[in-house]
Amino acid sequence: MVGHLSDFGIAKLLGAEDCFSQTNTIGTIGYIAPEYGQDGLVSTSCDVYSFGIVMMEAFTRKRPSDEMFTGDLSLKQWVNDSLPSGVTQLVDADLMRPKKEPLDAEMQCLVSVMELALSCTSVSPDARINMKEALLALNKIRLQLVTKLNIEVRLNPESSFQ
């Protein structure tokens, strides 16, 4: 088993036959799963947690260590509290179409991606999806966006990307 995306490749500590392991905590605060930070328990779901945080970071352009996250407010909590109605304030402005209202398909895509990131970062490892499910969900979101954009662009040529 090889972790393809994680904070420090935590899954690499596992043997091929192992589901979890226990170790001393090494990692970056904000990216590590709660069970790893608290108990040193390592599993592939720790990598899923880190992947969810990285997705949030990529779409918001905010790191978990950003100065705005103090006290009880974390990147994950901020994303959760902002969805679905505040997605335009949540997502990095550079991902939005300049000087144009975002299309419904774009908004739904952004909400779906952030909801996927949240499902990757469930507190309980058993409640988290796995990476295969995350990949399937990302492909489904992409397909829905492309399908809807093709329909919306044909109906409204001024709304096409430029």
Protein backbone atom coordinates (compact mmCIF):
# COMPACT_ATOMS: atom_id res chain seq x y z
CA MET A 1 0.00 0.00 0.00
CA VAL A 2 1.44 3.38 -1.00
CA GLY A 3 0.00 6.73 0.08
CA HIS A 4 -0.20 8.91 -3.02
CA LEU A 5 -1.12 12.12 -1.25
CA SER A 6 -0.68 12.77 2.40
CA ASP A 7 1.07 15.04 4.82
CA PHE A 8 4.12 12.80 5.22
CA GLY A 9 3.03 9.62 3.49
CA ILE A 10 1.67 8.25 6.74
CA ALA A 11 0.25 5.19 4.97
CA LYS A 12 3.80 4.17 4.02
CA LEU A 13 4.33 3.21 7.66
CA LEU A 14 1.85 0.39 7.15
CA GLY A 15 2.72 -3.01 5.79
CA ALA A 16 0.69 -4.34 2.87
CA GLU A 17 -1.40 -6.48 5.22
CA ASP A 18 -1.96 -3.79 7.88
CA CYS A 19 -5.01 -1.59 8.22
CA PHE A 20 -3.62 0.65 10.95
CA SER A 21 -0.57 1.16 13.10
CA GLN A 22 0.44 3.23 16.10
CA THR A 23 3.41 5.57 16.07
CA ASN A 24 4.76 8.79 17.54
CA THR A 25 3.10 11.85 16.09
CA ILE A 26 5.00 13.53 13.28
CA GLY A 27 3.23 15.90 10.99
CA THR A 28 1.99 19.35 10.40
CA ILE A 29 -0.78 20.63 12.63
CA GLY A 30 -3.90 21.25 10.63
CA TYR A 31 -3.24 18.49 8.13
CA ILE A 32 -3.06 15.49 10.43
CA ALA A 33 -6.14 13.45 11.30
CA PRO A 34 -7.44 13.77 14.87
CA GLU A 35 -6.79 10.11 15.70
CA TYR A 36 -3.18 10.46 14.57
CA GLY A 37 -2.58 13.67 16.50
CA GLN A 38 -4.21 12.41 19.69
CA ASP A 39 -3.42 8.70 19.79
CA GLY A 40 -0.70 8.15 17.18
CA LEU A 41 -3.02 5.80 15.27
CA VAL A 42 -2.07 5.60 11.60
CA SER A 43 -4.37 4.36 8.87
CA THR A 44 -5.15 5.07 5.27
CA SER A 45 -8.03 7.21 6.49
CA CYS A 46 -5.40 9.59 7.91
CA ASP A 47 -4.28 10.22 4.34
CA VAL A 48 -7.89 10.79 3.31
CA TYR A 49 -8.18 13.41 6.06
CA SER A 50 -5.04 15.18 4.83
CA PHE A 51 -6.35 15.04 1.26
CA GLY A 52 -9.57 16.76 2.37
CA ILE A 53 -7.61 19.54 4.07
CA VAL A 54 -5.42 19.96 0.97
CA MET A 55 -8.57 20.23 -1.19
CA MET A 56 -9.92 22.96 1.09
CA GLU A 57 -6.59 24.76 0.93
CA ALA A 58 -6.44 24.53 -2.87
CA PHE A 59 -9.92 25.97 -3.36
CA THR A 60 -9.85 28.62 -0.62
CA ARG A 61 -6.17 29.61 -0.81
CA LYS A 62 -6.12 29.47 2.99
CA ARG A 63 -3.74 27.27 4.96
CA PRO A 64 -4.90 25.59 8.16
CA SER A 65 -2.28 27.75 9.91
CA ASP A 66 -3.64 31.03 8.46
CA GLU A 67 -3.83 33.79 11.06
CA MET A 68 -7.62 33.98 10.66
CA PHE A 69 -7.94 30.53 12.24
CA THR A 70 -7.68 31.10 15.97
CA GLY A 71 -9.53 29.67 18.93
CA ASP A 72 -12.23 27.26 17.81
CA LEU A 73 -12.23 28.46 14.19
CA SER A 74 -10.33 26.13 11.87
CA LEU A 75 -10.18 25.86 8.09
CA LYS A 76 -12.53 22.90 8.28
CA GLN A 77 -15.00 24.75 10.53
CA TRP A 78 -14.89 27.84 8.31
CA VAL A 79 -15.67 25.76 5.21
CA ASN A 80 -18.45 23.91 7.01
CA ASP A 81 -20.03 27.11 8.33
CA SER A 82 -19.87 28.80 4.91
CA LEU A 83 -21.63 26.12 2.88
CA PRO A 84 -23.64 26.22 0.77
CA SER A 85 -24.79 29.85 0.67
CA GLY A 86 -21.39 31.45 1.30
CA VAL A 87 -19.38 29.47 -1.23
CA THR A 88 -18.50 32.57 -3.29
CA GLN A 89 -16.89 34.21 -0.23
CA LEU A 90 -15.19 30.94 0.67
CA VAL A 91 -13.56 30.07 -2.64
CA ASP A 92 -10.44 31.85 -3.87
CA ALA A 93 -11.50 34.76 -6.10
CA ASP A 94 -8.98 33.70 -8.76
CA LEU A 95 -11.06 30.57 -9.33
CA MET A 96 -14.14 32.64 -10.08
CA ARG A 97 -14.89 34.17 -13.46
CA PRO A 98 -13.81 37.82 -13.42
CA LYS A 99 -16.55 40.44 -13.74
CA LYS A 100 -19.20 37.82 -14.42
CA GLU A 101 -21.79 36.16 -12.30
CA PRO A 102 -20.83 32.55 -11.71
CA LEU A 103 -23.04 30.05 -13.48
CA ASP A 104 -25.24 27.75 -11.42
CA ALA A 105 -23.16 24.81 -12.65
CA GLU A 106 -19.98 26.43 -11.37
CA MET A 107 -21.54 27.17 -8.01
CA GLN A 108 -22.82 23.62 -7.65
CA CYS A 109 -19.38 22.28 -8.58
CA LEU A 110 -17.69 24.39 -5.90
CA VAL A 111 -20.23 23.37 -3.27
CA SER A 112 -19.82 19.70 -4.23
CA VAL A 113 -16.02 19.90 -4.04
CA MET A 114 -16.15 21.53 -0.62
CA GLU A 115 -18.70 18.98 0.61
CA LEU A 116 -16.41 16.22 -0.64
CA ALA A 117 -13.49 17.79 1.24
CA LEU A 118 -15.62 17.85 4.39
CA SER A 119 -16.56 14.18 3.95
CA CYS A 120 -12.84 13.39 3.75
CA THR A 121 -12.29 15.19 7.06
CA SER A 122 -14.94 13.58 9.24
CA VAL A 123 -13.75 13.35 12.84
CA SER A 124 -14.37 9.61 12.93
CA PRO A 125 -12.11 7.60 10.62
CA ASP A 126 -14.97 5.15 10.05
CA ALA A 127 -17.19 7.98 8.78
CA ARG A 128 -14.62 9.11 6.18
CA ILE A 129 -14.86 8.02 2.61
CA ASN A 130 -11.88 6.22 1.10
CA MET A 131 -9.67 7.50 -1.71
CA LYS A 132 -11.41 5.40 -4.36
CA GLU A 133 -14.72 6.96 -3.35
CA ALA A 134 -13.13 10.42 -3.37
CA LEU A 135 -11.81 9.87 -6.89
CA LEU A 136 -15.19 8.64 -8.09
CA ALA A 137 -16.87 11.67 -6.52
CA LEU A 138 -14.38 14.08 -8.14
CA ASN A 139 -14.93 12.47 -11.55
CA LYS A 140 -18.70 12.70 -11.08
CA ILE A 141 -18.45 16.40 -10.12
CA ARG A 142 -16.28 17.08 -13.17
CA LEU A 143 -18.68 15.24 -15.49
CA GLN A 144 -21.68 17.12 -14.08
CA LEU A 145 -19.89 20.45 -14.52
CA VAL A 146 -18.85 19.75 -18.10
CA THR A 147 -22.31 18.49 -19.00
CA LYS A 148 -24.07 21.48 -17.45
CA LEU A 149 -21.61 24.00 -18.88
CA ASN A 150 -22.06 22.61 -22.37
CA ILE A 151 -25.81 23.00 -22.01
CA GLU A 152 -25.59 26.46 -20.43
CA VAL A 153 -23.04 27.69 -22.96
CA ARG A 154 -25.21 26.56 -25.87
CA LEU A 155 -28.22 28.30 -24.35
CA ASN A 156 -26.31 31.46 -23.46
CA PRO A 157 -23.22 32.02 -25.65
CA GLU A 158 -22.17 35.12 -23.65
CA SER A 159 -21.59 32.93 -20.61
CA SER A 160 -18.75 30.94 -22.18
CA PHE A 161 -15.28 31.01 -20.64
CA GLN A 162 -12.85 33.49 -22.17
